[in-house]
Amino acid sequence: MKNKEIFNVFFREKPAMMLIDLKNAKSEVYASSLAKHIDCTYSHVVKILQQMEDAGLINFNKQGRLKLLTLTKKGQEVAESIEKIRNLL
């Protein structure tokens, strides 16, 4: 079994990759740019992000019409843990 396949056994790929992408972002991240990067629909990304916000993993920071995404301390720790596991596999 390939590394990516076994990773997907333990984690849903899109939400896990969203957290990792937010953690590794070099610039500001918005839901639309995140959707393009992980090859997912905008509406699906927003639904997952709302669940992550409810869980205390991310914050939406409104800037005009756009909402900037940032990880909380808890979100940063979860993203680091997911990335460590992915690298081990």
Protein backbone atom coordinates (compact mmCIF):
# COMPACT_ATOMS: atom_id res chain seq x y z
CA MET A 1 0.00 0.00 0.00
CA LYS A 2 1.36 3.41 -0.94
CA ASN A 3 2.00 6.07 1.72
CA LYS A 4 -0.80 8.31 0.49
CA GLU A 5 -3.29 5.43 0.51
CA ILE A 6 -2.46 4.39 4.08
CA PHE A 7 -2.63 8.02 5.21
CA ASN A 8 -6.15 8.20 3.76
CA VAL A 9 -7.11 5.11 5.77
CA PHE A 10 -6.52 7.08 8.98
CA PHE A 11 -7.48 10.60 7.88
CA ARG A 12 -9.91 12.17 5.46
CA GLU A 13 -7.52 13.60 2.91
CA LYS A 14 -9.10 16.99 2.16
CA PRO A 15 -9.59 18.24 5.76
CA ALA A 16 -6.14 17.00 6.79
CA MET A 17 -4.52 18.70 3.79
CA MET A 18 -6.42 21.91 4.53
CA LEU A 19 -4.85 22.11 7.99
CA ILE A 20 -1.39 21.26 6.67
CA ASP A 21 -1.72 23.87 3.89
CA LEU A 22 -2.78 26.51 6.43
CA LYS A 23 0.18 25.60 8.63
CA ASN A 24 2.67 25.83 5.76
CA ALA A 25 1.17 28.92 4.08
CA LYS A 26 3.70 31.59 3.14
CA SER A 27 1.03 34.24 2.55
CA GLU A 28 -2.57 35.01 3.44
CA VAL A 29 -5.02 32.15 2.85
CA TYR A 30 -8.67 32.47 1.88
CA ALA A 31 -11.26 29.72 1.46
CA SER A 32 -11.31 30.19 -2.32
CA SER A 33 -7.53 29.83 -2.65
CA LEU A 34 -7.54 26.83 -0.33
CA ALA A 35 -10.28 25.18 -2.41
CA LYS A 36 -8.21 25.58 -5.58
CA HIS A 37 -5.04 24.29 -3.94
CA ILE A 38 -6.59 21.08 -2.59
CA ASP A 39 -8.82 20.60 -5.67
CA CYS A 40 -12.13 20.82 -3.87
CA THR A 41 -15.31 22.84 -4.32
CA TYR A 42 -15.57 26.15 -2.49
CA SER A 43 -18.82 25.13 -0.76
CA HIS A 44 -17.27 21.89 0.54
CA VAL A 45 -14.22 23.76 1.84
CA VAL A 46 -16.40 26.34 3.63
CA LYS A 47 -18.46 23.57 5.25
CA ILE A 48 -15.31 21.86 6.56
CA LEU A 49 -13.82 25.20 7.68
CA GLN A 50 -16.97 25.99 9.68
CA GLN A 51 -16.62 22.65 11.47
CA MET A 52 -12.96 23.41 12.14
CA GLU A 53 -13.89 26.83 13.50
CA ASP A 54 -16.49 25.23 15.81
CA ALA A 55 -13.77 22.84 17.02
CA GLY A 56 -11.44 25.75 17.78
CA LEU A 57 -8.89 24.89 15.09
CA ILE A 58 -9.15 27.96 12.86
CA ASN A 59 -10.30 31.57 12.92
CA PHE A 60 -12.01 33.58 10.19
CA ASN A 61 -10.72 37.16 10.16
CA LYS A 62 -12.90 39.39 8.00
CA GLN A 63 -11.00 41.80 5.75
CA GLY A 64 -13.53 43.71 3.70
CA ARG A 65 -15.46 41.16 1.66
CA LEU A 66 -12.87 38.42 2.22
CA LYS A 67 -12.29 36.19 5.21
CA LEU A 68 -8.66 35.45 6.00
CA LEU A 69 -8.03 32.01 7.53
CA THR A 70 -5.64 31.51 10.42
CA LEU A 71 -4.87 28.54 12.62
CA THR A 72 -5.43 28.77 16.34
CA LYS A 73 -2.79 27.41 18.72
CA LYS A 74 -4.78 24.17 18.91
CA GLY A 75 -5.09 24.08 15.10
CA GLN A 76 -1.34 24.57 14.74
CA GLU A 77 -0.67 21.63 17.08
CA VAL A 78 -3.15 19.38 15.27
CA ALA A 79 -1.68 20.31 11.86
CA GLU A 80 1.85 19.58 13.10
CA SER A 81 0.74 16.21 14.45
CA ILE A 82 -1.02 15.28 11.19
CA GLU A 83 2.05 16.29 9.20
CA LYS A 84 4.32 14.19 11.46
CA ILE A 85 2.10 11.15 10.98
CA ARG A 86 1.95 11.70 7.22
CA ASN A 87 5.75 11.88 7.08
CA LEU A 88 6.09 8.69 9.15
CA LEU A 89 3.88 6.78 6.73
